[in-house]
Amino acid sequence: MPAEEAVAAAAAARDVAAVPAAMLRWVAIVMVEDACDGMEREGGWRESVAEGGSGARDERKKQAAK
């Protein structure tokens, strides 16, 4: 294989390998954005963190309702 073909093959392999990494970064960003949107709907992330997370807040609401 001539050197030019080897270089082209290496570049193509690098480009193919970069696609999954880029997709994973995009998926992670979307998941974080969705989580932040959900926390905003529940009353804000600061409140959620201060109360120990949304699970703890939900448990306190159940206890208060009894």
C-alpha atoms as a PDB file:
ATOM      1  CA  MET A   1       0.000   0.000   0.000  1.00  0.00           C
ATOM      2  CA  PRO A   2       1.485   3.338  -0.981  1.00  0.00           C
ATOM      3  CA  ALA A   3       2.020   5.927   1.729  1.00  0.00           C
ATOM      4  CA  GLU A   4      -0.745   8.191   0.363  1.00  0.00           C
ATOM      5  CA  GLU A   5      -3.306   5.398   0.622  1.00  0.00           C
ATOM      6  CA  ALA A   6      -2.147   4.571   4.141  1.00  0.00           C
ATOM      7  CA  VAL A   7      -2.556   8.200   5.172  1.00  0.00           C
ATOM      8  CA  ALA A   8      -6.016   8.339   3.598  1.00  0.00           C
ATOM      9  CA  ALA A   9      -7.041   5.091   5.317  1.00  0.00           C
ATOM     10  CA  ALA A  10      -5.802   6.382   8.691  1.00  0.00           C
ATOM     11  CA  ALA A  11      -7.710   9.650   8.228  1.00  0.00           C
ATOM     12  CA  ALA A  12     -10.895   7.790   7.342  1.00  0.00           C
ATOM     13  CA  ALA A  13     -10.553   5.541  10.394  1.00  0.00           C
ATOM     14  CA  ARG A  14     -10.008   8.581  12.622  1.00  0.00           C
ATOM     15  CA  ASP A  15     -13.130  10.257  11.201  1.00  0.00           C
ATOM     16  CA  VAL A  16     -15.220   7.127  11.752  1.00  0.00           C
ATOM     17  CA  ALA A  17     -13.964   6.818  15.340  1.00  0.00           C
ATOM     18  CA  ALA A  18     -14.822  10.463  16.033  1.00  0.00           C
ATOM     19  CA  VAL A  19     -18.499  10.024  15.159  1.00  0.00           C
ATOM     20  CA  PRO A  20     -19.481   7.856  18.170  1.00  0.00           C
ATOM     21  CA  ALA A  21     -17.636  10.180  20.559  1.00  0.00           C
ATOM     22  CA  ALA A  22     -19.425  13.199  19.119  1.00  0.00           C
ATOM     23  CA  MET A  23     -22.768  11.413  19.343  1.00  0.00           C
ATOM     24  CA  LEU A  24     -22.141  10.448  22.978  1.00  0.00           C
ATOM     25  CA  ARG A  25     -21.306  14.054  23.850  1.00  0.00           C
ATOM     26  CA  TRP A  26     -24.510  15.212  22.172  1.00  0.00           C
ATOM     27  CA  VAL A  27     -26.602  12.599  23.995  1.00  0.00           C
ATOM     28  CA  ALA A  28     -25.040  13.579  27.325  1.00  0.00           C
ATOM     29  CA  ILE A  29     -25.763  17.256  26.711  1.00  0.00           C
ATOM     30  CA  VAL A  30     -29.385  16.523  25.816  1.00  0.00           C
ATOM     31  CA  MET A  31     -29.833  14.341  28.905  1.00  0.00           C
ATOM     32  CA  VAL A  32     -28.452  17.054  31.190  1.00  0.00           C
ATOM     33  CA  GLU A  33     -30.651  19.703  29.569  1.00  0.00           C
ATOM     34  CA  ASP A  34     -33.722  17.491  30.023  1.00  0.00           C
ATOM     35  CA  ALA A  35     -32.854  16.858  33.659  1.00  0.00           C
ATOM     36  CA  CYS A  36     -32.413  20.575  34.307  1.00  0.00           C
ATOM     37  CA  ASP A  37     -35.741  21.341  32.631  1.00  0.00           C
ATOM     38  CA  GLY A  38     -37.428  18.738  34.813  1.00  0.00           C
ATOM     39  CA  MET A  39     -35.934  20.179  37.977  1.00  0.00           C
ATOM     40  CA  GLU A  40     -37.054  23.668  36.980  1.00  0.00           C
ATOM     41  CA  ARG A  41     -40.614  22.377  36.583  1.00  0.00           C
ATOM     42  CA  GLU A  42     -40.397  20.794  40.044  1.00  0.00           C
ATOM     43  CA  GLY A  43     -39.368  24.021  41.724  1.00  0.00           C
ATOM     44  CA  GLY A  44     -35.747  24.570  40.859  1.00  0.00           C
ATOM     45  CA  TRP A  45     -32.542  22.633  41.199  1.00  0.00           C
ATOM     46  CA  ARG A  46     -31.292  24.613  44.204  1.00  0.00           C
ATOM     47  CA  GLU A  47     -34.367  23.639  46.182  1.00  0.00           C
ATOM     48  CA  SER A  48     -33.957  20.043  45.089  1.00  0.00           C
ATOM     49  CA  VAL A  49     -30.297  19.919  46.152  1.00  0.00           C
ATOM     50  CA  ALA A  50     -30.989  21.678  49.450  1.00  0.00           C
ATOM     51  CA  GLU A  51     -33.705  19.179  50.282  1.00  0.00           C
ATOM     52  CA  GLY A  52     -31.640  16.145  49.357  1.00  0.00           C
ATOM     53  CA  GLY A  53     -32.936  15.593  45.850  1.00  0.00           C
ATOM     54  CA  SER A  54     -36.418  15.274  44.427  1.00  0.00           C
ATOM     55  CA  GLY A  55     -36.895  11.824  45.970  1.00  0.00           C
ATOM     56  CA  ALA A  56     -36.422  13.220  49.469  1.00  0.00           C
ATOM     57  CA  ARG A  57     -38.789  16.096  48.729  1.00  0.00           C
ATOM     58  CA  ASP A  58     -41.435  13.706  47.432  1.00  0.00           C
ATOM     59  CA  GLU A  59     -41.101  11.585  50.567  1.00  0.00           C
ATOM     60  CA  ARG A  60     -41.544  14.640  52.816  1.00  0.00           C
ATOM     61  CA  LYS A  61     -44.650  15.646  50.845  1.00  0.00           C
ATOM     62  CA  LYS A  62     -46.116  12.176  51.385  1.00  0.00           C
ATOM     63  CA  GLN A  63     -45.365  12.339  55.098  1.00  0.00           C
ATOM     64  CA  ALA A  64     -46.909  15.813  55.382  1.00  0.00           C
ATOM     65  CA  ALA A  65     -50.056  14.635  53.606  1.00  0.00           C
ATOM     66  CA  LYS A  66     -50.658  11.881  56.190  1.00  0.00           C
END
